[in-house]
C-alpha atoms as a PDB file:
ATOM      1  CA  MET A   1    -134.800-106.551  80.575  1.00  0.00           C
ATOM      2  CA  ASP A   2    -138.472-105.544  80.172  1.00  0.00           C
ATOM      3  CA  GLU A   3    -140.517-108.724  80.005  1.00  0.00           C
ATOM      4  CA  ASP A   4    -142.634-107.205  76.876  1.00  0.00           C
ATOM      5  CA  LEU A   5    -139.477-107.402  74.725  1.00  0.00           C
ATOM      6  CA  GLN A   6    -137.748-110.538  75.862  1.00  0.00           C
ATOM      7  CA  LEU A   7    -137.636-113.205  73.072  1.00  0.00           C
ATOM      8  CA  PRO A   8    -139.559-116.349  73.931  1.00  0.00           C
ATOM      9  CA  ARG A   9    -137.481-118.794  75.809  1.00  0.00           C
ATOM     10  CA  ARG A  10    -136.602-122.326  73.795  1.00  0.00           C
ATOM     11  CA  THR A  11    -137.289-125.006  76.048  1.00  0.00           C
ATOM     12  CA  ASN A  12    -136.239-127.935  74.029  1.00  0.00           C
ATOM     13  CA  GLY A  13    -134.760-128.796  70.294  1.00  0.00           C
ATOM     14  CA  PHE A  14    -138.387-129.919  68.771  1.00  0.00           C
ATOM     15  CA  GLU A  15    -140.110-126.573  69.396  1.00  0.00           C
ATOM     16  CA  TRP A  16    -140.666-124.623  66.306  1.00  0.00           C
ATOM     17  CA  PRO A  17    -138.793-123.035  64.206  1.00  0.00           C
ATOM     18  CA  LEU A  18    -137.134-126.292  63.491  1.00  0.00           C
ATOM     19  CA  HIS A  19    -133.479-125.803  61.903  1.00  0.00           C
ATOM     20  CA  PRO A  20    -133.084-126.455  58.377  1.00  0.00           C
ATOM     21  CA  LEU A  21    -130.193-128.629  59.337  1.00  0.00           C
ATOM     22  CA  GLN A  22    -132.440-130.533  61.790  1.00  0.00           C
ATOM     23  CA  VAL A  23    -134.950-131.024  59.281  1.00  0.00           C
ATOM     24  CA  THR A  24    -131.953-132.717  56.690  1.00  0.00           C
ATOM     25  CA  SER A  25    -130.551-134.751  59.424  1.00  0.00           C
ATOM     26  CA  TRP A  26    -133.844-136.362  59.549  1.00  0.00           C
ATOM     27  CA  VAL A  27    -134.682-136.877  55.752  1.00  0.00           C
ATOM     28  CA  VAL A  28    -130.770-138.044  55.080  1.00  0.00           C
ATOM     29  CA  CYS A  29    -130.786-140.772  58.383  1.00  0.00           C
ATOM     30  CA  GLY A  30    -134.734-141.547  57.047  1.00  0.00           C
ATOM     31  CA  LEU A  31    -133.490-142.147  53.104  1.00  0.00           C
ATOM     32  CA  ASP A  32    -130.232-143.878  54.643  1.00  0.00           C
ATOM     33  CA  VAL A  33    -132.460-146.606  56.454  1.00  0.00           C
ATOM     34  CA  ILE A  34    -134.957-147.227  53.982  1.00  0.00           C
ATOM     35  CA  VAL A  35    -132.590-147.718  50.902  1.00  0.00           C
ATOM     36  CA  PHE A  36    -129.935-149.437  53.056  1.00  0.00           C
ATOM     37  CA  ALA A  37    -132.642-151.887  54.146  1.00  0.00           C
ATOM     38  CA  VAL A  38    -134.303-152.306  50.537  1.00  0.00           C
ATOM     39  CA  ILE A  39    -130.554-152.591  48.336  1.00  0.00           C
ATOM     40  CA  GLY A  40    -127.875-152.612  50.507  1.00  0.00           C
ATOM     41  CA  LEU A  41    -128.599-155.645  53.104  1.00  0.00           C
ATOM     42  CA  PRO A  42    -130.583-158.223  50.801  1.00  0.00           C
ATOM     43  CA  LEU A  43    -127.497-157.843  48.617  1.00  0.00           C
ATOM     44  CA  VAL A  44    -125.166-159.180  51.494  1.00  0.00           C
ATOM     45  CA  GLY A  45    -123.706-162.768  51.682  1.00  0.00           C
ATOM     46  CA  PRO A  46    -123.567-165.346  52.888  1.00  0.00           C
ATOM     47  CA  SER A  47    -126.736-165.380  55.466  1.00  0.00           C
ATOM     48  CA  ASN A  48    -124.692-165.711  58.798  1.00  0.00           C
ATOM     49  CA  LEU A  49    -122.963-162.277  57.610  1.00  0.00           C
ATOM     50  CA  GLN A  50    -125.925-160.646  56.308  1.00  0.00           C
ATOM     51  CA  ALA A  51    -127.473-161.446  59.886  1.00  0.00           C
ATOM     52  CA  ALA A  52    -124.874-159.860  62.041  1.00  0.00           C
ATOM     53  CA  THR A  53    -124.767-156.923  59.276  1.00  0.00           C
ATOM     54  CA  ALA A  54    -128.546-156.450  59.783  1.00  0.00           C
ATOM     55  CA  LEU A  55    -128.528-156.758  63.532  1.00  0.00           C
ATOM     56  CA  GLY A  56    -125.595-154.065  64.002  1.00  0.00           C
ATOM     57  CA  PHE A  57    -127.446-151.649  61.962  1.00  0.00           C
ATOM     58  CA  LEU A  58    -130.575-151.792  63.552  1.00  0.00           C
ATOM     59  CA  VAL A  59    -129.007-151.520  66.942  1.00  0.00           C
ATOM     60  CA  SER A  60    -127.375-148.404  65.648  1.00  0.00           C
ATOM     61  CA  VAL A  61    -130.146-146.784  64.296  1.00  0.00           C
ATOM     62  CA  ALA A  62    -132.199-147.276  67.234  1.00  0.00           C
ATOM     63  CA  ALA A  63    -129.162-145.893  69.364  1.00  0.00           C
ATOM     64  CA  LEU A  64    -129.709-143.116  67.378  1.00  0.00           C
ATOM     65  CA  VAL A  65    -133.148-142.395  67.560  1.00  0.00           C
ATOM     66  CA  VAL A  66    -133.305-142.559  71.615  1.00  0.00           C
ATOM     67  CA  SER A  67    -130.306-140.660  72.276  1.00  0.00           C
ATOM     68  CA  ALA A  68    -131.585-137.981  69.461  1.00  0.00           C
ATOM     69  CA  ALA A  69    -134.588-137.737  71.062  1.00  0.00           C
ATOM     70  CA  LEU A  70    -132.854-137.118  74.304  1.00  0.00           C
ATOM     71  CA  ALA A  71    -130.782-134.929  73.685  1.00  0.00           C
ATOM     72  CA  THR A  72    -132.908-132.663  71.882  1.00  0.00           C
ATOM     73  CA  GLY A  73    -136.271-133.006  73.719  1.00  0.00           C
ATOM     74  CA  CYS A  74    -133.984-132.569  77.107  1.00  0.00           C
ATOM     75  CA  ASN A  75    -134.066-128.476  78.606  1.00  0.00           C
ATOM     76  CA  PRO A  76    -130.283-127.998  79.390  1.00  0.00           C
ATOM     77  CA  ALA A  77    -131.084-124.693  80.982  1.00  0.00           C
ATOM     78  CA  ALA A  78    -129.402-123.955  84.356  1.00  0.00           C
ATOM     79  CA  ASP A  79    -131.204-124.891  87.201  1.00  0.00           C
ATOM     80  CA  SER A  80    -131.479-121.199  88.619  1.00  0.00           C
ATOM     81  CA  VAL A  81    -133.474-120.343  85.080  1.00  0.00           C
ATOM     82  CA  ARG A  82    -135.461-123.649  85.234  1.00  0.00           C
ATOM     83  CA  LEU A  83    -136.552-122.474  89.213  1.00  0.00           C
ATOM     84  CA  ARG A  84    -137.309-119.133  87.665  1.00  0.00           C
ATOM     85  CA  ASP A  85    -139.525-120.457  85.328  1.00  0.00           C
ATOM     86  CA  GLU A  86    -141.250-123.005  87.217  1.00  0.00           C
ATOM     87  CA  ASP A  87    -141.912-120.810  90.629  1.00  0.00           C
ATOM     88  CA  ASP A  88    -141.739-117.306  88.865  1.00  0.00           C
ATOM     89  CA  LEU A  89    -139.256-116.293  90.834  1.00  0.00           C
ATOM     90  CA  ASP A  90    -137.469-112.648  91.057  1.00  0.00           C
ATOM     91  CA  LEU A  91    -134.347-113.893  92.020  1.00  0.00           C
ATOM     92  CA  THR A  92    -133.085-110.291  92.001  1.00  0.00           C
ATOM     93  CA  LYS A  93    -135.140-109.649  95.285  1.00  0.00           C
ATOM     94  CA  ASN A  94    -134.837-113.368  96.457  1.00  0.00           C
ATOM     95  CA  ASN A  95    -131.879-114.329  99.234  1.00  0.00           C
ATOM     96  CA  LYS A  96    -132.684-118.398  98.522  1.00  0.00           C
ATOM     97  CA  TYR A  97    -129.524-118.978  96.940  1.00  0.00           C
ATOM     98  CA  ASP A  98    -126.189-118.715  98.804  1.00  0.00           C
ATOM     99  CA  ASP A  99    -123.967-116.167  96.549  1.00  0.00           C
ATOM    100  CA  GLU A 100    -120.628-118.404  96.937  1.00  0.00           C
ATOM    101  CA  GLU A 101    -122.427-120.958  94.399  1.00  0.00           C
ATOM    102  CA  PHE A 102    -122.349-118.301  91.486  1.00  0.00           C
ATOM    103  CA  GLU A 103    -119.942-115.927  89.629  1.00  0.00           C
ATOM    104  CA  GLY A 104    -122.142-113.476  88.042  1.00  0.00           C
ATOM    105  CA  PHE A 105    -125.507-112.300  87.287  1.00  0.00           C
ATOM    106  CA  CYS A 106    -127.556-112.496  83.679  1.00  0.00           C
ATOM    107  CA  LEU A 107    -129.405-109.618  83.084  1.00  0.00           C
ATOM    108  CA  ASP A 108    -131.182-111.576  80.358  1.00  0.00           C
ATOM    109  CA  CYS A 109    -132.576-114.477  82.653  1.00  0.00           C
ATOM    110  CA  GLN A 110    -132.627-112.224  85.877  1.00  0.00           C
ATOM    111  CA  VAL A 111    -130.487-114.740  87.620  1.00  0.00           C
ATOM    112  CA  PRO A 112    -127.500-115.586  88.755  1.00  0.00           C
ATOM    113  CA  MET A 113    -125.034-117.352  87.109  1.00  0.00           C
ATOM    114  CA  ALA A 114    -123.210-120.682  87.981  1.00  0.00           C
ATOM    115  CA  PRO A 115    -119.771-121.675  87.377  1.00  0.00           C
ATOM    116  CA  ARG A 116    -118.953-122.571  83.651  1.00  0.00           C
ATOM    117  CA  SER A 117    -122.771-121.670  82.629  1.00  0.00           C
ATOM    118  CA  LYS A 118    -123.324-119.200  79.753  1.00  0.00           C
ATOM    119  CA  HIS A 119    -126.235-117.443  78.053  1.00  0.00           C
ATOM    120  CA  CYS A 120    -127.392-118.629  74.435  1.00  0.00           C
ATOM    121  CA  HIS A 121    -129.083-116.172  72.305  1.00  0.00           C
ATOM    122  CA  ALA A 122    -130.208-118.648  70.130  1.00  0.00           C
ATOM    123  CA  CYS A 123    -132.329-120.465  72.927  1.00  0.00           C
ATOM    124  CA  ASN A 124    -132.263-117.141  75.376  1.00  0.00           C
ATOM    125  CA  LYS A 125    -131.324-118.956  78.126  1.00  0.00           C
ATOM    126  CA  CYS A 126    -128.422-119.518  80.525  1.00  0.00           C
ATOM    127  CA  VAL A 127    -127.023-123.518  79.857  1.00  0.00           C
ATOM    128  CA  SER A 128    -125.351-125.321  82.760  1.00  0.00           C
ATOM    129  CA  VAL A 129    -121.752-125.848  81.858  1.00  0.00           C
ATOM    130  CA  PHE A 130    -122.645-124.721  78.529  1.00  0.00           C
ATOM    131  CA  ASP A 131    -120.787-126.421  75.796  1.00  0.00           C
ATOM    132  CA  HIS A 132    -121.834-125.409  72.447  1.00  0.00           C
ATOM    133  CA  HIS A 133    -125.200-124.550  70.277  1.00  0.00           C
ATOM    134  CA  CYS A 134    -125.828-127.865  67.696  1.00  0.00           C
ATOM    135  CA  MET A 135    -127.962-126.568  65.137  1.00  0.00           C
ATOM    136  CA  TRP A 136    -128.451-130.550  64.037  1.00  0.00           C
ATOM    137  CA  LEU A 137    -130.602-131.242  67.179  1.00  0.00           C
ATOM    138  CA  ASN A 138    -131.633-127.858  67.459  1.00  0.00           C
ATOM    139  CA  THR A 139    -130.813-127.001  70.940  1.00  0.00           C
ATOM    140  CA  CYS A 140    -127.823-126.047  73.377  1.00  0.00           C
ATOM    141  CA  ILE A 141    -125.845-128.964  74.610  1.00  0.00           C
ATOM    142  CA  GLY A 142    -125.056-128.650  78.299  1.00  0.00           C
ATOM    143  CA  GLU A 143    -124.551-130.509  81.634  1.00  0.00           C
ATOM    144  CA  ARG A 144    -127.872-132.109  81.066  1.00  0.00           C
ATOM    145  CA  ASN A 145    -127.677-133.556  77.980  1.00  0.00           C
ATOM    146  CA  TYR A 146    -124.194-133.616  77.004  1.00  0.00           C
ATOM    147  CA  LYS A 147    -124.248-137.880  77.435  1.00  0.00           C
ATOM    148  CA  ALA A 148    -126.979-138.140  75.157  1.00  0.00           C
ATOM    149  CA  PHE A 149    -125.349-135.801  72.761  1.00  0.00           C
ATOM    150  CA  LEU A 150    -122.356-138.157  73.050  1.00  0.00           C
ATOM    151  CA  ALA A 151    -124.606-141.185  72.119  1.00  0.00           C
ATOM    152  CA  THR A 152    -125.878-139.259  69.020  1.00  0.00           C
ATOM    153  CA  ILE A 153    -122.594-138.758  67.466  1.00  0.00           C
ATOM    154  CA  ALA A 154    -121.195-142.101  68.594  1.00  0.00           C
ATOM    155  CA  SER A 155    -124.316-144.095  67.059  1.00  0.00           C
ATOM    156  CA  VAL A 156    -124.041-141.703  63.903  1.00  0.00           C
ATOM    157  CA  SER A 157    -120.459-142.877  63.471  1.00  0.00           C
ATOM    158  CA  THR A 158    -121.335-146.504  63.938  1.00  0.00           C
ATOM    159  CA  MET A 159    -124.288-146.337  61.550  1.00  0.00           C
ATOM    160  CA  THR A 160    -122.688-144.807  58.444  1.00  0.00           C
ATOM    161  CA  GLY A 161    -119.462-147.070  59.301  1.00  0.00           C
ATOM    162  CA  VAL A 162    -122.118-150.384  58.927  1.00  0.00           C
ATOM    163  CA  LEU A 163    -123.800-148.542  55.846  1.00  0.00           C
ATOM    164  CA  LEU A 164    -120.416-147.545  54.100  1.00  0.00           C
ATOM    165  CA  GLY A 165    -118.759-150.983  54.605  1.00  0.00           C
ATOM    166  CA  THR A 166    -121.494-153.247  53.537  1.00  0.00           C
ATOM    167  CA  CYS A 167    -121.568-150.745  50.443  1.00  0.00           C
ATOM    168  CA  ILE A 168    -118.267-150.995  49.581  1.00  0.00           C
ATOM    169  CA  TYR A 169    -118.386-155.016  50.115  1.00  0.00           C
ATOM    170  CA  VAL A 170    -121.380-155.250  47.902  1.00  0.00           C
ATOM    171  CA  LEU A 171    -120.225-152.975  45.193  1.00  0.00           C
ATOM    172  CA  ILE A 172    -116.882-155.147  44.885  1.00  0.00           C
ATOM    173  CA  GLY A 173    -118.569-158.136  44.959  1.00  0.00           C
ATOM    174  CA  CYS A 174    -120.671-156.726  42.095  1.00  0.00           C
ATOM    175  CA  PHE A 175    -117.675-156.321  39.975  1.00  0.00           C
ATOM    176  CA  THR A 176    -115.546-159.330  40.832  1.00  0.00           C
ATOM    177  CA  ASP A 177    -117.948-162.035  41.091  1.00  0.00           C
ATOM    178  CA  GLU A 178    -121.192-160.981  38.833  1.00  0.00           C
ATOM    179  CA  GLU A 179    -122.435-164.400  39.049  1.00  0.00           C
ATOM    180  CA  GLU A 180    -122.639-164.863  42.686  1.00  0.00           C
ATOM    181  CA  PHE A 181    -124.223-161.064  42.949  1.00  0.00           C
ATOM    182  CA  GLU A 182    -126.472-162.081  40.360  1.00  0.00           C
ATOM    183  CA  GLN A 183    -128.035-164.902  42.384  1.00  0.00           C
ATOM    184  CA  ARG A 184    -128.486-163.099  45.453  1.00  0.00           C
ATOM    185  CA  GLN A 185    -129.902-160.177  43.390  1.00  0.00           C
ATOM    186  CA  GLN A 186    -132.698-162.955  42.227  1.00  0.00           C
ATOM    187  CA  ARG A 187    -133.480-164.547  45.586  1.00  0.00           C
ATOM    188  CA  PHE A 188    -135.411-161.272  45.825  1.00  0.00           C
ATOM    189  CA  ALA A 189    -138.391-160.764  43.794  1.00  0.00           C
ATOM    190  CA  PHE A 190    -138.085-156.982  44.244  1.00  0.00           C
ATOM    191  CA  LEU A 191    -134.247-156.843  43.101  1.00  0.00           C
ATOM    192  CA  ALA A 192    -134.720-159.537  40.215  1.00  0.00           C
ATOM    193  CA  ASP A 193    -135.935-157.604  37.715  1.00  0.00           C
ATOM    194  CA  MET A 194    -133.993-154.197  38.729  1.00  0.00           C
ATOM    195  CA  PRO A 195    -131.148-153.253  35.870  1.00  0.00           C
ATOM    196  CA  TRP A 196    -127.711-153.951  37.009  1.00  0.00           C
ATOM    197  CA  GLU A 197    -126.719-150.309  36.309  1.00  0.00           C
ATOM    198  CA  LEU A 198    -129.484-148.908  38.937  1.00  0.00           C
ATOM    199  CA  LEU A 199    -128.302-151.201  41.915  1.00  0.00           C
ATOM    200  CA  VAL A 200    -124.959-149.990  41.159  1.00  0.00           C
ATOM    201  CA  THR A 201    -126.104-146.465  40.950  1.00  0.00           C
ATOM    202  CA  PHE A 202    -127.868-146.765  44.351  1.00  0.00           C
ATOM    203  CA  LEU A 203    -124.996-148.425  46.270  1.00  0.00           C
ATOM    204  CA  GLY A 204    -122.570-145.604  44.831  1.00  0.00           C
ATOM    205  CA  GLY A 205    -125.125-142.754  45.886  1.00  0.00           C
ATOM    206  CA  LEU A 206    -124.959-144.543  49.801  1.00  0.00           C
ATOM    207  CA  ILE A 207    -121.310-144.772  49.514  1.00  0.00           C
ATOM    208  CA  ALA A 208    -121.185-140.943  48.071  1.00  0.00           C
ATOM    209  CA  VAL A 209    -123.426-139.781  50.911  1.00  0.00           C
ATOM    210  CA  ASN A 210    -121.986-141.393  53.799  1.00  0.00           C
ATOM    211  CA  ALA A 211    -118.275-141.558  53.309  1.00  0.00           C
ATOM    212  CA  PRO A 212    -118.189-137.425  54.265  1.00  0.00           C
ATOM    213  CA  LEU A 213    -120.549-138.141  57.180  1.00  0.00           C
ATOM    214  CA  PHE A 214    -118.657-140.706  58.649  1.00  0.00           C
ATOM    215  CA  LEU A 215    -115.563-139.356  58.071  1.00  0.00           C
ATOM    216  CA  MET A 216    -116.427-135.842  60.109  1.00  0.00           C
ATOM    217  CA  ASP A 217    -118.532-137.622  62.482  1.00  0.00           C
ATOM    218  CA  THR A 218    -116.033-140.087  63.980  1.00  0.00           C
ATOM    219  CA  GLN A 219    -113.280-136.829  63.869  1.00  0.00           C
ATOM    220  CA  LEU A 220    -116.217-135.183  66.241  1.00  0.00           C
ATOM    221  CA  VAL A 221    -116.176-138.240  68.485  1.00  0.00           C
ATOM    222  CA  PHE A 222    -112.423-138.395  68.868  1.00  0.00           C
ATOM    223  CA  LEU A 223    -112.449-134.345  69.222  1.00  0.00           C
ATOM    224  CA  HIS A 224    -114.911-134.897  72.249  1.00  0.00           C
ATOM    225  CA  ALA A 225    -113.254-137.895  73.476  1.00  0.00           C
ATOM    226  CA  PHE A 226    -110.027-135.265  73.787  1.00  0.00           C
ATOM    227  CA  LEU A 227    -112.002-132.691  75.280  1.00  0.00           C
ATOM    228  CA  ILE A 228    -113.437-135.030  77.953  1.00  0.00           C
ATOM    229  CA  SER A 229    -109.860-136.052  79.060  1.00  0.00           C
ATOM    230  CA  GLN A 230    -108.631-132.203  79.029  1.00  0.00           C
ATOM    231  CA  ARG A 231    -111.990-131.498  81.308  1.00  0.00           C
ATOM    232  CA  LEU A 232    -112.891-128.754  78.926  1.00  0.00           C
ATOM    233  CA  THR A 233    -116.141-127.938  76.848  1.00  0.00           C
ATOM    234  CA  THR A 234    -115.926-127.109  73.068  1.00  0.00           C
ATOM    235  CA  TYR A 235    -116.343-123.219  74.278  1.00  0.00           C
ATOM    236  CA  GLU A 236    -113.718-123.184  76.845  1.00  0.00           C
ATOM    237  CA  TYR A 237    -111.385-124.991  74.366  1.00  0.00           C
ATOM    238  CA  ILE A 238    -112.134-122.743  71.415  1.00  0.00           C
ATOM    239  CA  ILE A 239    -111.653-119.921  73.978  1.00  0.00           C
ATOM    240  CA  GLY A 240    -108.081-121.385  75.449  1.00  0.00           C
ATOM    241  CA  LYS A 241    -107.273-121.757  71.685  1.00  0.00           C
ATOM    242  CA  ARG A 242    -108.059-118.243  70.586  1.00  0.00           C
ATOM    243  CA  ASN A 243    -105.928-116.909  73.447  1.00  0.00           C
ATOM    244  CA  GLN A 244    -103.022-119.096  72.692  1.00  0.00           C
ATOM    245  CA  GLU A 245    -102.993-117.882  69.391  1.00  0.00           C
ATOM    246  CA  MET A 246    -102.937-114.452  70.332  1.00  0.00           C
ATOM    247  CA  GLU A 247     -99.806-115.186  72.619  1.00  0.00           C
ATOM    248  CA  GLU A 248     -98.080-116.558  69.885  1.00  0.00           C
ATOM    249  CA  ALA A 249     -99.050-113.408  67.770  1.00  0.00           C
ATOM    250  CA  ALA A 250     -98.123-111.149  70.496  1.00  0.00           C
ATOM    251  CA  ASP A 251     -94.915-112.822  70.573  1.00  0.00           C
ATOM    252  CA  ASP A 252     -93.815-112.163  66.781  1.00  0.00           C
ATOM    253  CA  ASP A 253     -94.770-108.578  67.332  1.00  0.00           C
ATOM    254  CA  GLU A 254     -91.657-106.248  67.072  1.00  0.00           C
ATOM    255  CA  GLU A 255     -90.561-104.872  70.225  1.00  0.00           C
ATOM    256  CA  ASP A 256     -89.888-101.177  71.333  1.00  0.00           C
ATOM    257  CA  GLU A 257     -87.073 -99.476  72.078  1.00  0.00           C
ATOM    258  CA  ASP A 258     -87.213-100.438  76.020  1.00  0.00           C
ATOM    259  CA  GLY A 259     -87.542-104.234  74.691  1.00  0.00           C
ATOM    260  CA  THR A 260     -91.044-104.753  76.101  1.00  0.00           C
ATOM    261  CA  ASN A 261     -93.777-105.717  73.828  1.00  0.00           C
ATOM    262  CA  THR A 262     -95.812-103.328  72.183  1.00  0.00           C
ATOM    263  CA  VAL A 263     -99.173-105.319  72.107  1.00  0.00           C
ATOM    264  CA  THR A 264    -101.135-106.060  75.646  1.00  0.00           C
ATOM    265  CA  SER A 265    -102.227-109.604  75.395  1.00  0.00           C
ATOM    266  CA  THR A 266    -105.602-111.033  76.653  1.00  0.00           C
ATOM    267  CA  ALA A 267    -103.342-113.266  79.251  1.00  0.00           C
ATOM    268  CA  ALA A 268    -101.762-110.327  81.021  1.00  0.00           C
ATOM    269  CA  VAL A 269    -105.010-109.697  82.782  1.00  0.00           C
ATOM    270  CA  PHE A 270    -105.187-113.319  84.298  1.00  0.00           C
ATOM    271  CA  ALA A 271    -102.835-113.862  86.726  1.00  0.00           C
ATOM    272  CA  ASP A 272    -104.874-117.017  88.536  1.00  0.00           C
ATOM    273  CA  ASP A 273    -104.140-120.455  87.865  1.00  0.00           C
ATOM    274  CA  THR A 274    -107.884-121.751  87.244  1.00  0.00           C
ATOM    275  CA  ARG A 275    -109.879-123.043  84.374  1.00  0.00           C
ATOM    276  CA  VAL A 276    -110.757-119.927  83.032  1.00  0.00           C
ATOM    277  CA  GLY A 277    -107.154-118.173  83.973  1.00  0.00           C
ATOM    278  CA  ARG A 278    -105.286-121.190  82.042  1.00  0.00           C
ATOM    279  CA  GLN A 279    -107.922-120.621  79.411  1.00  0.00           C
ATOM    280  CA  ALA A 280    -107.082-116.903  78.990  1.00  0.00           C
ATOM    281  CA  LYS A 281    -103.060-117.551  78.673  1.00  0.00           C
ATOM    282  CA  GLY A 282    -103.716-119.842  76.593  1.00  0.00           C
ATOM    283  CA  LEU A 283    -102.421-123.161  78.784  1.00  0.00           C
ATOM    284  CA  VAL A 284    -104.745-125.598  77.555  1.00  0.00           C
ATOM    285  CA  ASN A 285    -103.700-128.333  75.241  1.00  0.00           C
ATOM    286  CA  THR A 286    -104.996-128.222  71.818  1.00  0.00           C
ATOM    287  CA  LEU A 287    -104.880-130.474  68.775  1.00  0.00           C
ATOM    288  CA  PRO A 288    -103.609-129.524  65.250  1.00  0.00           C
ATOM    289  CA  SER A 289    -105.839-127.548  63.067  1.00  0.00           C
ATOM    290  CA  CYS A 290    -106.628-130.665  60.857  1.00  0.00           C
ATOM    291  CA  LEU A 291    -108.157-132.389  63.538  1.00  0.00           C
ATOM    292  CA  ASP A 292    -110.338-129.693  65.136  1.00  0.00           C
ATOM    293  CA  TRP A 293    -111.099-127.679  62.017  1.00  0.00           C
ATOM    294  CA  ILE A 294    -114.843-128.581  62.238  1.00  0.00           C
ATOM    295  CA  ILE A 295    -115.438-126.284  65.421  1.00  0.00           C
ATOM    296  CA  PHE A 296    -113.357-123.602  63.505  1.00  0.00           C
ATOM    297  CA  SER A 297    -114.176-123.964  60.188  1.00  0.00           C
ATOM    298  CA  ARG A 298    -116.693-121.189  59.818  1.00  0.00           C
ATOM    299  CA  CYS A 299    -114.961-118.421  61.917  1.00  0.00           C
ATOM    300  CA  GLY A 300    -114.408-115.466  60.135  1.00  0.00           C
ATOM    301  CA  ARG A 301    -116.940-115.875  57.437  1.00  0.00           C
ATOM    302  CA  ARG A 302    -119.138-113.094  58.792  1.00  0.00           C
ATOM    303  CA  LYS A 303    -118.049-109.583  59.548  1.00  0.00           C
ATOM    304  CA  ARG A 304    -116.993-109.056  63.148  1.00  0.00           C
ATOM    305  CA  LYS A 305    -118.345-106.495  65.385  1.00  0.00           C
ATOM    306  CA  PRO A 306    -115.933-104.204  66.945  1.00  0.00           C
ATOM    307  CA  GLN A 307    -114.730-105.351  70.465  1.00  0.00           C
ATOM    308  CA  PRO A 308    -115.276-103.250  73.495  1.00  0.00           C
ATOM    309  CA  PRO A 309    -112.345-102.202  75.757  1.00  0.00           C
ATOM    310  CA  LEU A 310    -111.051-104.562  78.323  1.00  0.00           C
ATOM    311  CA  SER A 311    -112.566-102.668  81.169  1.00  0.00           C
ATOM    312  CA  GLN A 312    -116.076-103.699  79.696  1.00  0.00           C
ATOM    313  CA  GLY A 313    -115.401-107.289  79.380  1.00  0.00           C
ATOM    314  CA  PHE A 314    -114.849-109.174  76.148  1.00  0.00           C
ATOM    315  CA  GLY A 315    -117.468-109.928  73.622  1.00  0.00           C
ATOM    316  CA  VAL A 316    -120.035-108.734  75.624  1.00  0.00           C
ATOM    317  CA  THR A 317    -122.437-105.854  74.907  1.00  0.00           C
ATOM    318  CA  PRO A 318    -123.205-103.458  77.334  1.00  0.00           C
ATOM    319  CA  ALA A 319    -126.691-104.114  77.331  1.00  0.00           C
ATOM    320  CA  HIS A 320    -126.148-107.591  78.684  1.00  0.00           C
ATOM    321  CA  VAL A 321    -123.577-107.267  81.664  1.00  0.00           C
ATOM    322  CA  THR A 322    -123.255-105.317  84.621  1.00  0.00           C
ATOM    323  CA  LYS A 323    -120.182-103.200  85.157  1.00  0.00           C
ATOM    324  CA  VAL A 324    -116.878-104.926  85.964  1.00  0.00           C
ATOM    325  CA  PRO A 325    -113.042-104.076  87.122  1.00  0.00           C
ATOM    326  CA  PRO A 326    -110.702-104.193  84.584  1.00  0.00           C
ATOM    327  CA  MET A 327    -108.643-106.675  86.431  1.00  0.00           C
ATOM    328  CA  GLU A 328    -111.837-109.209  86.087  1.00  0.00           C
ATOM    329  CA  ALA A 329    -112.627-109.077  82.710  1.00  0.00           C
ATOM    330  CA  GLN A 330    -113.522-112.396  81.076  1.00  0.00           C
ATOM    331  CA  PRO A 331    -112.275-113.840  77.759  1.00  0.00           C
ATOM    332  CA  GLU A 332    -113.288-112.783  74.514  1.00  0.00           C
ATOM    333  CA  ALA A 333    -115.817-115.351  72.891  1.00  0.00           C
ATOM    334  CA  PRO A 334    -115.722-116.267  69.245  1.00  0.00           C
ATOM    335  CA  ALA A 335    -117.642-113.498  67.132  1.00  0.00           C
ATOM    336  CA  SER A 336    -118.637-115.691  64.488  1.00  0.00           C
ATOM    337  CA  GLU A 337    -120.387-119.379  64.536  1.00  0.00           C
ATOM    338  CA  TYR A 338    -118.860-122.546  64.556  1.00  0.00           C
ATOM    339  CA  SER A 339    -119.191-125.411  62.075  1.00  0.00           C
ATOM    340  CA  GLY A 340    -121.943-126.596  60.863  1.00  0.00           C
ATOM    341  CA  ALA A 341    -122.558-129.046  63.939  1.00  0.00           C
ATOM    342  CA  PHE A 342    -121.541-125.573  66.337  1.00  0.00           C
ATOM    343  CA  THR A 343    -122.762-122.324  66.947  1.00  0.00           C
ATOM    344  CA  PRO A 344    -121.436-119.740  69.718  1.00  0.00           C
ATOM    345  CA  SER A 345    -122.749-116.991  71.013  1.00  0.00           C
ATOM    346  CA  PRO A 346    -121.329-113.766  73.051  1.00  0.00           C
ATOM    347  CA  PRO A 347    -120.706-114.597  76.994  1.00  0.00           C
ATOM    348  CA  CYS A 348    -123.330-113.934  79.583  1.00  0.00           C
ATOM    349  CA  THR A 349    -123.300-111.543  82.320  1.00  0.00           C
ATOM    350  CA  PRO A 350    -119.839-111.939  84.405  1.00  0.00           C
ATOM    351  CA  VAL A 351    -119.413-109.931  87.211  1.00  0.00           C
ATOM    352  CA  GLY A 352    -115.992-111.633  88.317  1.00  0.00           C
ATOM    353  CA  HIS A 353    -114.280-114.483  88.603  1.00  0.00           C
ATOM    354  CA  ARG A 354    -113.370-116.579  92.096  1.00  0.00           C
ATOM    355  CA  SER A 355    -110.325-118.935  92.564  1.00  0.00           C
END
C-alpha cells in the first residue's frame, strides 16, 4: 500500500479520537464511585459491615483503574509490526525471519502474519492472537493485553456487584426499619437534612443503572472463562459457531435427485484437524444463544457486502490479499460489528494454512 494513502496506526486506546463508549464508561464509573461513596456507604450498618463493604469496593475500584489502564495503554500489535515500526524495516525484502513462523503476509502492514494474528482495520495494525476490538477500551484485545482485559471485566463485575448488593440492602432497610435508617442518616450532617424521598431516588437510580451492567459483565466473565477452557479467542469462537450454523442450514436443505446436497458448505474445503479446520467444520463447542448473545447481538443490523467467491478467500477484498489456492481459503469473517463491547474486522491476508 502506498505510504501516502495508509491510515494512521493506533498505538493504544488513549490516542485520539477517543471512542464515545470509552468516554461513557469513564463518566458512568466515576459517577458510580462518587454517589455510592457519598450516599450509599454512609447508610450501611453496623460499622463492621460498613468497613468490610468499603474495603471491598475500594479494592475493586483500584483493580479496575489499574487493569483498565494497562489494557488500554498496551500496544497489542504483533511482533513483526512492532519491529517494523521501531526499526523501519522492509520485511518484504528482509530474510531476518524464519518462514516457518508465519502463515501469511499482510499487505496493509507489509509484514508476515504469525499464526492466529489478524489485521484490525479500526487500529490499522496486525494483532497477535487477536481476540476482538473493544470499543469500551478503544483498542484491540490480543495476546499482550488479554490478561489485563480479563482483570478489567472481573473488576467491573465485582465493583457493580458490591454496589448493587449494598444499595438493595440499604433500600430494604429504608422500608422495613425506618427508625434505624433515620438514625444512620442523622450520623452524617450532609445526609441529615436530605429528604427521605431524595435518598430513595439516589439509591434506586444506582440500582437501575448498575443492575444491567452487573448482569451483562458477569455473563461476559463466564463467557471468557468458557473460551479459555476451549482454548479459543472470541474471534475464533464466532467463526466456529457461524460455520456450525452454516452446516446445520446445509443439512436442512433439500437433496437433489442423486441424493447429494445442493449446497457446498464451508467445511468441505477443510480436511485437516487443526484449529482452523475444526472452526471451519463447526466442531468447536458452543454455548446457547442466551449465553453468548453479547457477541452476536449487533450482527445483521448493517447491510452485508457481497462476499467474494471461495477461491478468493472469505470476507477479504482483493486489495488486501494475495491470491490463494481454492483449497487453502480461510473461513468467512463476521461481516458486521459484535455487541457493544466487540467490533470484528475482516480477516488479514492469509496465504495458506499449515497443519
